[in-house]
Structures are given as structure tokens and as C-alpha cells.
Amino acid sequence: ALWHLQKEVALSTLAQELTDFDIKSPQTWCAAGNCFSLQ
């Protein structure tokens, strides 16, 4: 949803927070992937 609305800062923050919390979660890597896709 953040990707669709081009909310780059919020998406980057979410990806970083999820990465800090759990790097073994597919949701974490999806968020990171969406973050770089938006960029």
C-alpha cells in the first residue's frame, strides 16, 4: 500500500524496523523488496 501511494520514507522506515526485528520473516523481505522497487 505504501508502494502504491509512493510513500518512500514510510516504506523505508517500515522495512528497516522489520529487518531489525526479524530477518527470517518473508514479510520483512517483501517490505525491503517493495522499498527498493519504489526507488
PDB file of all heavy atoms in Angstrom:
ATOM      1  N   ALA A   1       0.839  -1.207   0.000  1.00  0.00           N
ATOM      2  CA  ALA A   1       0.000   0.000   0.000  1.00  0.00           C
ATOM      3  C   ALA A   1       0.870   1.251   0.000  1.00  0.00           C
ATOM      4  O   ALA A   1       0.594   2.224  -0.727  1.00  0.00           O
ATOM      5  CB  ALA A   1      -0.933  -0.007   1.217  1.00  0.00           C
ATOM      6  N   LEU A   2       1.936   1.234   0.793  1.00  0.00           N
ATOM      7  CA  LEU A   2       2.875   2.365   0.799  1.00  0.00           C
ATOM      8  C   LEU A   2       3.536   2.528  -0.565  1.00  0.00           C
ATOM      9  O   LEU A   2       3.752   3.653  -1.039  1.00  0.00           O
ATOM     10  CB  LEU A   2       3.938   2.153   1.885  1.00  0.00           C
ATOM     11  CG  LEU A   2       3.444   2.218   3.336  1.00  0.00           C
ATOM     12  CD1 LEU A   2       4.540   1.744   4.290  1.00  0.00           C
ATOM     13  CD2 LEU A   2       2.996   3.633   3.704  1.00  0.00           C
ATOM     14  N   TRP A   3       3.833   1.402  -1.215  1.00  0.00           N
ATOM     15  CA  TRP A   3       4.421   1.427  -2.558  1.00  0.00           C
ATOM     16  C   TRP A   3       3.463   2.104  -3.542  1.00  0.00           C
ATOM     17  O   TRP A   3       3.863   2.957  -4.326  1.00  0.00           O
ATOM     18  CB  TRP A   3       4.729  -0.001  -2.992  1.00  0.00           C
ATOM     19  CG  TRP A   3       5.401  -0.137  -4.322  1.00  0.00           C
ATOM     20  CD1 TRP A   3       6.744  -0.197  -4.576  1.00  0.00           C
ATOM     21  CD2 TRP A   3       4.760  -0.223  -5.610  1.00  0.00           C
ATOM     22  NE1 TRP A   3       6.988  -0.318  -5.922  1.00  0.00           N
ATOM     23  CE2 TRP A   3       5.785  -0.341  -6.585  1.00  0.00           C
ATOM     24  CE3 TRP A   3       3.438  -0.219  -6.032  1.00  0.00           C
ATOM     25  CZ2 TRP A   3       5.513  -0.458  -7.949  1.00  0.00           C
ATOM     26  CZ3 TRP A   3       3.158  -0.328  -7.388  1.00  0.00           C
ATOM     27  CH2 TRP A   3       4.189  -0.444  -8.335  1.00  0.00           C
ATOM     28  N   HIS A   4       2.197   1.719  -3.484  1.00  0.00           N
ATOM     29  CA  HIS A   4       1.205   2.276  -4.413  1.00  0.00           C
ATOM     30  C   HIS A   4       1.072   3.789  -4.254  1.00  0.00           C
ATOM     31  O   HIS A   4       0.888   4.502  -5.250  1.00  0.00           O
ATOM     32  CB  HIS A   4      -0.157   1.616  -4.190  1.00  0.00           C
ATOM     33  CG  HIS A   4      -0.315   0.302  -4.884  1.00  0.00           C
ATOM     34  ND1 HIS A   4      -0.356   0.168  -6.257  1.00  0.00           N
ATOM     35  CD2 HIS A   4      -0.444  -0.959  -4.385  1.00  0.00           C
ATOM     36  CE1 HIS A   4      -0.508  -1.097  -6.584  1.00  0.00           C
ATOM     37  NE2 HIS A   4      -0.562  -1.806  -5.468  1.00  0.00           N
ATOM     38  N   LEU A   5       1.159   4.268  -3.020  1.00  0.00           N
ATOM     39  CA  LEU A   5       0.991   5.707  -2.775  1.00  0.00           C
ATOM     40  C   LEU A   5       2.327   6.456  -2.750  1.00  0.00           C
ATOM     41  O   LEU A   5       2.381   7.628  -2.380  1.00  0.00           O
ATOM     42  CB  LEU A   5       0.229   5.927  -1.467  1.00  0.00           C
ATOM     43  CG  LEU A   5      -1.233   5.442  -1.465  1.00  0.00           C
ATOM     44  CD1 LEU A   5      -1.946   5.906  -0.202  1.00  0.00           C
ATOM     45  CD2 LEU A   5      -1.988   5.926  -2.694  1.00  0.00           C
ATOM     46  N   GLN A   6       3.403   5.752  -3.149  1.00  0.00           N
ATOM     47  CA  GLN A   6       4.723   6.377  -3.302  1.00  0.00           C
ATOM     48  C   GLN A   6       5.229   7.000  -2.000  1.00  0.00           C
ATOM     49  O   GLN A   6       5.886   8.044  -2.013  1.00  0.00           O
ATOM     50  CB  GLN A   6       4.675   7.452  -4.404  1.00  0.00           C
ATOM     51  CG  GLN A   6       4.129   6.956  -5.739  1.00  0.00           C
ATOM     52  CD  GLN A   6       5.144   6.163  -6.532  1.00  0.00           C
ATOM     53  OE1 GLN A   6       6.135   6.708  -7.001  1.00  0.00           O
ATOM     54  NE2 GLN A   6       4.908   4.871  -6.682  1.00  0.00           N
ATOM     55  N   LYS A   7       4.936   6.355  -0.874  1.00  0.00           N
ATOM     56  CA  LYS A   7       5.368   6.867   0.426  1.00  0.00           C
ATOM     57  C   LYS A   7       6.732   6.270   0.769  1.00  0.00           C
ATOM     58  O   LYS A   7       6.843   5.333   1.559  1.00  0.00           O
ATOM     59  CB  LYS A   7       4.310   6.556   1.495  1.00  0.00           C
ATOM     60  CG  LYS A   7       3.005   7.335   1.287  1.00  0.00           C
ATOM     61  CD  LYS A   7       2.038   7.124   2.433  1.00  0.00           C
ATOM     62  CE  LYS A   7       0.798   7.985   2.273  1.00  0.00           C
ATOM     63  NZ  LYS A   7       1.068   9.429   2.433  1.00  0.00           N
ATOM     64  N   GLU A   8       7.743   6.851   0.157  1.00  0.00           N
ATOM     65  CA  GLU A   8       9.081   6.279   0.215  1.00  0.00           C
ATOM     66  C   GLU A   8       9.667   6.284   1.630  1.00  0.00           C
ATOM     67  O   GLU A   8      10.254   5.288   2.067  1.00  0.00           O
ATOM     68  CB  GLU A   8      10.011   7.049  -0.737  1.00  0.00           C
ATOM     69  CG  GLU A   8      11.374   6.418  -0.895  1.00  0.00           C
ATOM     70  CD  GLU A   8      12.192   7.101  -1.979  1.00  0.00           C
ATOM     71  OE1 GLU A   8      11.601   7.567  -2.976  1.00  0.00           O
ATOM     72  OE2 GLU A   8      13.429   7.156  -1.824  1.00  0.00           O
ATOM     73  N   VAL A   9       9.506   7.381   2.364  1.00  0.00           N
ATOM     74  CA  VAL A   9      10.079   7.470   3.708  1.00  0.00           C
ATOM     75  C   VAL A   9       9.423   6.462   4.649  1.00  0.00           C
ATOM     76  O   VAL A   9      10.107   5.728   5.376  1.00  0.00           O
ATOM     77  CB  VAL A   9       9.940   8.905   4.268  1.00  0.00           C
ATOM     78  CG1 VAL A   9      10.402   8.953   5.727  1.00  0.00           C
ATOM     79  CG2 VAL A   9      10.748   9.884   3.433  1.00  0.00           C
ATOM     80  N   ALA A  10       8.097   6.405   4.615  1.00  0.00           N
ATOM     81  CA  ALA A  10       7.375   5.463   5.488  1.00  0.00           C
ATOM     82  C   ALA A  10       7.725   4.027   5.145  1.00  0.00           C
ATOM     83  O   ALA A  10       7.877   3.182   6.043  1.00  0.00           O
ATOM     84  CB  ALA A  10       5.867   5.688   5.367  1.00  0.00           C
ATOM     85  N   LEU A  11       7.867   3.735   3.857  1.00  0.00           N
ATOM     86  CA  LEU A  11       8.196   2.370   3.434  1.00  0.00           C
ATOM     87  C   LEU A  11       9.618   2.001   3.855  1.00  0.00           C
ATOM     88  O   LEU A  11       9.870   0.884   4.325  1.00  0.00           O
ATOM     89  CB  LEU A  11       8.030   2.250   1.919  1.00  0.00           C
ATOM     90  CG  LEU A  11       8.320   0.876   1.298  1.00  0.00           C
ATOM     91  CD1 LEU A  11       7.584  -0.243   2.015  1.00  0.00           C
ATOM     92  CD2 LEU A  11       7.939   0.893  -0.182  1.00  0.00           C
ATOM     93  N   SER A  12      10.530   2.932   3.717  1.00  0.00           N
ATOM     94  CA  SER A  12      11.906   2.687   4.143  1.00  0.00           C
ATOM     95  C   SER A  12      11.978   2.447   5.653  1.00  0.00           C
ATOM     96  O   SER A  12      12.694   1.551   6.127  1.00  0.00           O
ATOM     97  CB  SER A  12      12.792   3.873   3.756  1.00  0.00           C
ATOM     98  OG  SER A  12      14.115   3.678   4.196  1.00  0.00           O
ATOM     99  N   THR A  13      11.218   3.232   6.407  1.00  0.00           N
ATOM    100  CA  THR A  13      11.178   3.068   7.867  1.00  0.00           C
ATOM    101  C   THR A  13      10.614   1.709   8.246  1.00  0.00           C
ATOM    102  O   THR A  13      11.160   1.011   9.115  1.00  0.00           O
ATOM    103  CB  THR A  13      10.320   4.177   8.504  1.00  0.00           C
ATOM    104  OG1 THR A  13      10.889   5.447   8.186  1.00  0.00           O
ATOM    105  CG2 THR A  13      10.255   4.014  10.015  1.00  0.00           C
ATOM    106  N   LEU A  14       9.522   1.310   7.593  1.00  0.00           N
ATOM    107  CA  LEU A  14       8.919   0.008   7.874  1.00  0.00           C
ATOM    108  C   LEU A  14       9.897  -1.118   7.576  1.00  0.00           C
ATOM    109  O   LEU A  14      10.071  -2.036   8.396  1.00  0.00           O
ATOM    110  CB  LEU A  14       7.653  -0.170   7.032  1.00  0.00           C
ATOM    111  CG  LEU A  14       6.983  -1.547   7.132  1.00  0.00           C
ATOM    112  CD1 LEU A  14       6.440  -1.791   8.532  1.00  0.00           C
ATOM    113  CD2 LEU A  14       5.870  -1.679   6.093  1.00  0.00           C
ATOM    114  N   ALA A  15      10.552  -1.059   6.422  1.00  0.00           N
ATOM    115  CA  ALA A  15      11.499  -2.108   6.042  1.00  0.00           C
ATOM    116  C   ALA A  15      12.635  -2.214   7.060  1.00  0.00           C
ATOM    117  O   ALA A  15      13.037  -3.319   7.449  1.00  0.00           O
ATOM    118  CB  ALA A  15      12.055  -1.823   4.649  1.00  0.00           C
ATOM    119  N   GLN A  16      13.134  -1.072   7.524  1.00  0.00           N
ATOM    120  CA  GLN A  16      14.223  -1.077   8.497  1.00  0.00           C
ATOM    121  C   GLN A  16      13.764  -1.655   9.833  1.00  0.00           C
ATOM    122  O   GLN A  16      14.468  -2.468  10.453  1.00  0.00           O
ATOM    123  CB  GLN A  16      14.756   0.341   8.695  1.00  0.00           C
ATOM    124  CG  GLN A  16      15.982   0.423   9.594  1.00  0.00           C
ATOM    125  CD  GLN A  16      17.151  -0.376   9.060  1.00  0.00           C
ATOM    126  OE1 GLN A  16      17.587  -0.163   7.942  1.00  0.00           O
ATOM    127  NE2 GLN A  16      17.660  -1.309   9.866  1.00  0.00           N
ATOM    128  N   GLU A  17      12.582  -1.257  10.278  1.00  0.00           N
ATOM    129  CA  GLU A  17      12.066  -1.752  11.556  1.00  0.00           C
ATOM    130  C   GLU A  17      11.825  -3.266  11.514  1.00  0.00           C
ATOM    131  O   GLU A  17      12.146  -3.985  12.464  1.00  0.00           O
ATOM    132  CB  GLU A  17      10.770  -1.024  11.917  1.00  0.00           C
ATOM    133  CG  GLU A  17      10.984   0.424  12.328  1.00  0.00           C
ATOM    134  CD  GLU A  17       9.672   1.153  12.574  1.00  0.00           C
ATOM    135  OE1 GLU A  17       8.601   0.582  12.276  1.00  0.00           O
ATOM    136  OE2 GLU A  17       9.711   2.307  13.070  1.00  0.00           O
ATOM    137  N   LEU A  18      11.278  -3.751  10.420  1.00  0.00           N
ATOM    138  CA  LEU A  18      11.035  -5.193  10.298  1.00  0.00           C
ATOM    139  C   LEU A  18      12.348  -5.960  10.214  1.00  0.00           C
ATOM    140  O   LEU A  18      12.476  -7.053  10.777  1.00  0.00           O
ATOM    141  CB  LEU A  18      10.166  -5.484   9.072  1.00  0.00           C
ATOM    142  CG  LEU A  18       8.728  -4.953   9.112  1.00  0.00           C
ATOM    143  CD1 LEU A  18       7.993  -5.335   7.835  1.00  0.00           C
ATOM    144  CD2 LEU A  18       7.974  -5.485  10.325  1.00  0.00           C
ATOM    145  N   THR A  19      13.333  -5.390   9.518  1.00  0.00           N
ATOM    146  CA  THR A  19      14.644  -6.032   9.412  1.00  0.00           C
ATOM    147  C   THR A  19      15.313  -6.128  10.785  1.00  0.00           C
ATOM    148  O   THR A  19      15.909  -7.156  11.135  1.00  0.00           O
ATOM    149  CB  THR A  19      15.564  -5.251   8.446  1.00  0.00           C
ATOM    150  OG1 THR A  19      14.941  -5.194   7.155  1.00  0.00           O
ATOM    151  CG2 THR A  19      16.916  -5.926   8.311  1.00  0.00           C
ATOM    152  N   ASP A  20      15.183  -5.078  11.581  1.00  0.00           N
ATOM    153  CA  ASP A  20      15.754  -5.087  12.935  1.00  0.00           C
ATOM    154  C   ASP A  20      15.067  -6.119  13.819  1.00  0.00           C
ATOM    155  O   ASP A  20      15.698  -6.687  14.718  1.00  0.00           O
ATOM    156  CB  ASP A  20      15.616  -3.703  13.572  1.00  0.00           C
ATOM    157  CG  ASP A  20      16.520  -2.664  12.912  1.00  0.00           C
ATOM    158  OD1 ASP A  20      17.482  -3.071  12.221  1.00  0.00           O
ATOM    159  OD2 ASP A  20      16.252  -1.467  13.081  1.00  0.00           O
ATOM    160  N   PHE A  21      13.776  -6.371  13.541  1.00  0.00           N
ATOM    161  CA  PHE A  21      13.006  -7.264  14.403  1.00  0.00           C
ATOM    162  C   PHE A  21      13.149  -8.731  14.019  1.00  0.00           C
ATOM    163  O   PHE A  21      13.352  -9.599  14.874  1.00  0.00           O
ATOM    164  CB  PHE A  21      11.530  -6.869  14.386  1.00  0.00           C
ATOM    165  CG  PHE A  21      10.642  -7.824  15.139  1.00  0.00           C
ATOM    166  CD1 PHE A  21      10.804  -8.014  16.512  1.00  0.00           C
ATOM    167  CD2 PHE A  21       9.667  -8.547  14.481  1.00  0.00           C
ATOM    168  CE1 PHE A  21      10.002  -8.911  17.203  1.00  0.00           C
ATOM    169  CE2 PHE A  21       8.856  -9.446  15.167  1.00  0.00           C
ATOM    170  CZ  PHE A  21       9.020  -9.622  16.529  1.00  0.00           C
ATOM    171  N   ASP A  22      13.023  -9.053  12.728  1.00  0.00           N
ATOM    172  CA  ASP A  22      13.031 -10.462  12.322  1.00  0.00           C
ATOM    173  C   ASP A  22      13.467 -10.595  10.869  1.00  0.00           C
ATOM    174  O   ASP A  22      12.702 -10.303   9.954  1.00  0.00           O
ATOM    175  CB  ASP A  22      11.631 -11.060  12.499  1.00  0.00           C
ATOM    176  CG  ASP A  22      11.611 -12.574  12.272  1.00  0.00           C
ATOM    177  OD1 ASP A  22      12.651 -13.136  11.877  1.00  0.00           O
ATOM    178  OD2 ASP A  22      10.554 -13.193  12.485  1.00  0.00           O
ATOM    179  N   ILE A  23      14.689 -11.056  10.651  1.00  0.00           N
ATOM    180  CA  ILE A  23      15.193 -11.221   9.286  1.00  0.00           C
ATOM    181  C   ILE A  23      14.851 -12.601   8.717  1.00  0.00           C
ATOM    182  O   ILE A  23      15.240 -12.927   7.593  1.00  0.00           O
ATOM    183  CB  ILE A  23      16.723 -11.003   9.218  1.00  0.00           C
ATOM    184  CG1 ILE A  23      17.458 -12.013  10.105  1.00  0.00           C
ATOM    185  CG2 ILE A  23      17.089  -9.579   9.583  1.00  0.00           C
ATOM    186  CD1 ILE A  23      18.966 -12.000   9.904  1.00  0.00           C
ATOM    187  N   LYS A  24      14.118 -13.398   9.483  1.00  0.00           N
ATOM    188  CA  LYS A  24      13.712 -14.716   8.985  1.00  0.00           C
ATOM    189  C   LYS A  24      12.235 -14.737   8.592  1.00  0.00           C
ATOM    190  O   LYS A  24      11.645 -15.794   8.412  1.00  0.00           O
ATOM    191  CB  LYS A  24      13.995 -15.790  10.042  1.00  0.00           C
ATOM    192  CG  LYS A  24      15.484 -15.973  10.335  1.00  0.00           C
ATOM    193  CD  LYS A  24      15.719 -17.083  11.343  1.00  0.00           C
ATOM    194  CE  LYS A  24      17.214 -17.273  11.606  1.00  0.00           C
ATOM    195  NZ  LYS A  24      17.460 -18.347  12.608  1.00  0.00           N
ATOM    196  N   SER A  25      11.664 -13.563   8.458  1.00  0.00           N
ATOM    197  CA  SER A  25      10.256 -13.448   8.098  1.00  0.00           C
ATOM    198  C   SER A  25      10.119 -13.032   6.638  1.00  0.00           C
ATOM    199  O   SER A  25      10.779 -12.076   6.203  1.00  0.00           O
ATOM    200  CB  SER A  25       9.575 -12.406   8.999  1.00  0.00           C
ATOM    201  OG  SER A  25       8.370 -11.971   8.427  1.00  0.00           O
ATOM    202  N   PRO A  26       9.266 -13.701   5.861  1.00  0.00           N
ATOM    203  CA  PRO A  26       9.078 -13.284   4.461  1.00  0.00           C
ATOM    204  C   PRO A  26       8.476 -11.889   4.348  1.00  0.00           C
ATOM    205  O   PRO A  26       8.758 -11.164   3.396  1.00  0.00           O
ATOM    206  CB  PRO A  26       8.126 -14.354   3.903  1.00  0.00           C
ATOM    207  CG  PRO A  26       7.431 -14.931   5.096  1.00  0.00           C
ATOM    208  CD  PRO A  26       8.437 -14.879   6.199  1.00  0.00           C
ATOM    209  N   GLN A  27       7.665 -11.491   5.361  1.00  0.00           N
ATOM    210  CA  GLN A  27       7.089 -10.144   5.329  1.00  0.00           C
ATOM    211  C   GLN A  27       8.185  -9.083   5.366  1.00  0.00           C
ATOM    212  O   GLN A  27       8.066  -8.032   4.718  1.00  0.00           O
ATOM    213  CB  GLN A  27       6.133  -9.941   6.512  1.00  0.00           C
ATOM    214  CG  GLN A  27       4.831 -10.725   6.406  1.00  0.00           C
ATOM    215  CD  GLN A  27       4.897 -12.073   7.092  1.00  0.00           C
ATOM    216  OE1 GLN A  27       5.983 -12.604   7.310  1.00  0.00           O
ATOM    217  NE2 GLN A  27       3.752 -12.630   7.443  1.00  0.00           N
ATOM    218  N   THR A  28       9.250  -9.355   6.126  1.00  0.00           N
ATOM    219  CA  THR A  28      10.374  -8.418   6.213  1.00  0.00           C
ATOM    220  C   THR A  28      11.008  -8.194   4.852  1.00  0.00           C
ATOM    221  O   THR A  28      11.233  -7.054   4.420  1.00  0.00           O
ATOM    222  CB  THR A  28      11.433  -8.953   7.199  1.00  0.00           C
ATOM    223  OG1 THR A  28      10.878  -8.971   8.519  1.00  0.00           O
ATOM    224  CG2 THR A  28      12.685  -8.096   7.192  1.00  0.00           C
ATOM    225  N   TRP A  29      11.272  -9.292   4.149  1.00  0.00           N
ATOM    226  CA  TRP A  29      11.947  -9.187   2.869  1.00  0.00           C
ATOM    227  C   TRP A  29      11.029  -8.645   1.774  1.00  0.00           C
ATOM    228  O   TRP A  29      11.497  -7.997   0.832  1.00  0.00           O
ATOM    229  CB  TRP A  29      12.542 -10.535   2.487  1.00  0.00           C
ATOM    230  CG  TRP A  29      13.585 -10.970   3.478  1.00  0.00           C
ATOM    231  CD1 TRP A  29      13.482 -11.977   4.399  1.00  0.00           C
ATOM    232  CD2 TRP A  29      14.869 -10.383   3.682  1.00  0.00           C
ATOM    233  NE1 TRP A  29      14.623 -12.052   5.163  1.00  0.00           N
ATOM    234  CE2 TRP A  29      15.489 -11.087   4.744  1.00  0.00           C
ATOM    235  CE3 TRP A  29      15.560  -9.339   3.074  1.00  0.00           C
ATOM    236  CZ2 TRP A  29      16.769 -10.769   5.199  1.00  0.00           C
ATOM    237  CZ3 TRP A  29      16.831  -9.027   3.526  1.00  0.00           C
ATOM    238  CH2 TRP A  29      17.414  -9.741   4.574  1.00  0.00           C
ATOM    239  N   CYS A  30       9.733  -8.908   1.907  1.00  0.00           N
ATOM    240  CA  CYS A  30       8.779  -8.292   0.973  1.00  0.00           C
ATOM    241  C   CYS A  30       8.778  -6.768   1.122  1.00  0.00           C
ATOM    242  O   CYS A  30       8.762  -6.036   0.121  1.00  0.00           O
ATOM    243  CB  CYS A  30       7.364  -8.831   1.219  1.00  0.00           C
ATOM    244  SG  CYS A  30       7.069 -10.498   0.583  1.00  0.00           S
ATOM    245  N   ALA A  31       8.794  -6.307   2.372  1.00  0.00           N
ATOM    246  CA  ALA A  31       8.834  -4.861   2.618  1.00  0.00           C
ATOM    247  C   ALA A  31      10.118  -4.253   2.057  1.00  0.00           C
ATOM    248  O   ALA A  31      10.094  -3.187   1.423  1.00  0.00           O
ATOM    249  CB  ALA A  31       8.713  -4.574   4.112  1.00  0.00           C
ATOM    250  N   ALA A  32      11.239  -4.940   2.273  1.00  0.00           N
ATOM    251  CA  ALA A  32      12.516  -4.442   1.745  1.00  0.00           C
ATOM    252  C   ALA A  32      12.497  -4.435   0.222  1.00  0.00           C
ATOM    253  O   ALA A  32      12.967  -3.480  -0.417  1.00  0.00           O
ATOM    254  CB  ALA A  32      13.662  -5.301   2.262  1.00  0.00           C
ATOM    255  N   GLY A  33      11.943  -5.488  -0.376  1.00  0.00           N
ATOM    256  CA  GLY A  33      11.845  -5.550  -1.827  1.00  0.00           C
ATOM    257  C   GLY A  33      10.981  -4.432  -2.381  1.00  0.00           C
ATOM    258  O   GLY A  33      11.337  -3.785  -3.378  1.00  0.00           O
ATOM    259  N   ASN A  34       9.849  -4.188  -1.734  1.00  0.00           N
ATOM    260  CA  ASN A  34       8.977  -3.089  -2.169  1.00  0.00           C
ATOM    261  C   ASN A  34       9.679  -1.743  -2.044  1.00  0.00           C
ATOM    262  O   ASN A  34       9.486  -0.844  -2.872  1.00  0.00           O
ATOM    263  CB  ASN A  34       7.687  -3.085  -1.337  1.00  0.00           C
ATOM    264  CG  ASN A  34       6.631  -4.016  -1.898  1.00  0.00           C
ATOM    265  OD1 ASN A  34       6.595  -4.284  -3.090  1.00  0.00           O
ATOM    266  ND2 ASN A  34       5.760  -4.518  -1.035  1.00  0.00           N
ATOM    267  N   CYS A  35      10.478  -1.610  -1.007  1.00  0.00           N
ATOM    268  CA  CYS A  35      11.206  -0.361  -0.769  1.00  0.00           C
ATOM    269  C   CYS A  35      12.155  -0.062  -1.934  1.00  0.00           C
ATOM    270  O   CYS A  35      12.161   1.048  -2.478  1.00  0.00           O
ATOM    271  CB  CYS A  35      11.978  -0.459   0.545  1.00  0.00           C
ATOM    272  SG  CYS A  35      12.871   1.049   0.985  1.00  0.00           S
ATOM    273  N   PHE A  36      12.933  -1.053  -2.341  1.00  0.00           N
ATOM    274  CA  PHE A  36      13.867  -0.839  -3.452  1.00  0.00           C
ATOM    275  C   PHE A  36      13.142  -0.735  -4.789  1.00  0.00           C
ATOM    276  O   PHE A  36      13.592  -0.031  -5.691  1.00  0.00           O
ATOM    277  CB  PHE A  36      14.923  -1.946  -3.474  1.00  0.00           C
ATOM    278  CG  PHE A  36      15.985  -1.759  -2.436  1.00  0.00           C
ATOM    279  CD1 PHE A  36      15.953  -2.467  -1.247  1.00  0.00           C
ATOM    280  CD2 PHE A  36      17.013  -0.844  -2.634  1.00  0.00           C
ATOM    281  CE1 PHE A  36      16.925  -2.280  -0.270  1.00  0.00           C
ATOM    282  CE2 PHE A  36      17.989  -0.641  -1.665  1.00  0.00           C
ATOM    283  CZ  PHE A  36      17.951  -1.362  -0.486  1.00  0.00           C
ATOM    284  N   SER A  37      12.016  -1.423  -4.908  1.00  0.00           N
ATOM    285  CA  SER A  37      11.216  -1.307  -6.123  1.00  0.00           C
ATOM    286  C   SER A  37      10.723   0.126  -6.308  1.00  0.00           C
ATOM    287  O   SER A  37      10.758   0.670  -7.412  1.00  0.00           O
ATOM    288  CB  SER A  37      10.022  -2.268  -6.070  1.00  0.00           C
ATOM    289  OG  SER A  37       9.172  -2.099  -7.188  1.00  0.00           O
ATOM    290  N   LEU A  38      10.271   0.725  -5.209  1.00  0.00           N
ATOM    291  CA  LEU A  38       9.784   2.106  -5.272  1.00  0.00           C
ATOM    292  C   LEU A  38      10.902   3.059  -5.684  1.00  0.00           C
ATOM    293  O   LEU A  38      10.659   4.062  -6.362  1.00  0.00           O
ATOM    294  CB  LEU A  38       9.199   2.507  -3.916  1.00  0.00           C
ATOM    295  CG  LEU A  38       8.592   3.905  -3.812  1.00  0.00           C
ATOM    296  CD1 LEU A  38       7.509   4.121  -4.870  1.00  0.00           C
ATOM    297  CD2 LEU A  38       8.018   4.135  -2.420  1.00  0.00           C
ATOM    298  N   GLN A  39      12.133   2.736  -5.313  1.00  0.00           N
ATOM    299  CA  GLN A  39      13.288   3.558  -5.671  1.00  0.00           C
ATOM    300  C   GLN A  39      13.832   3.222  -7.063  1.00  0.00           C
ATOM    301  O   GLN A  39      14.882   3.717  -7.470  1.00  0.00           O
ATOM    302  CB  GLN A  39      14.392   3.372  -4.627  1.00  0.00           C
ATOM    303  CG  GLN A  39      13.998   3.855  -3.239  1.00  0.00           C
ATOM    304  CD  GLN A  39      14.977   3.410  -2.153  1.00  0.00           C
ATOM    305  OE1 GLN A  39      16.048   2.894  -2.446  1.00  0.00           O
ATOM    306  NE2 GLN A  39      14.595   3.611  -0.900  1.00  0.00           N
TER     307      GLN A  39
END
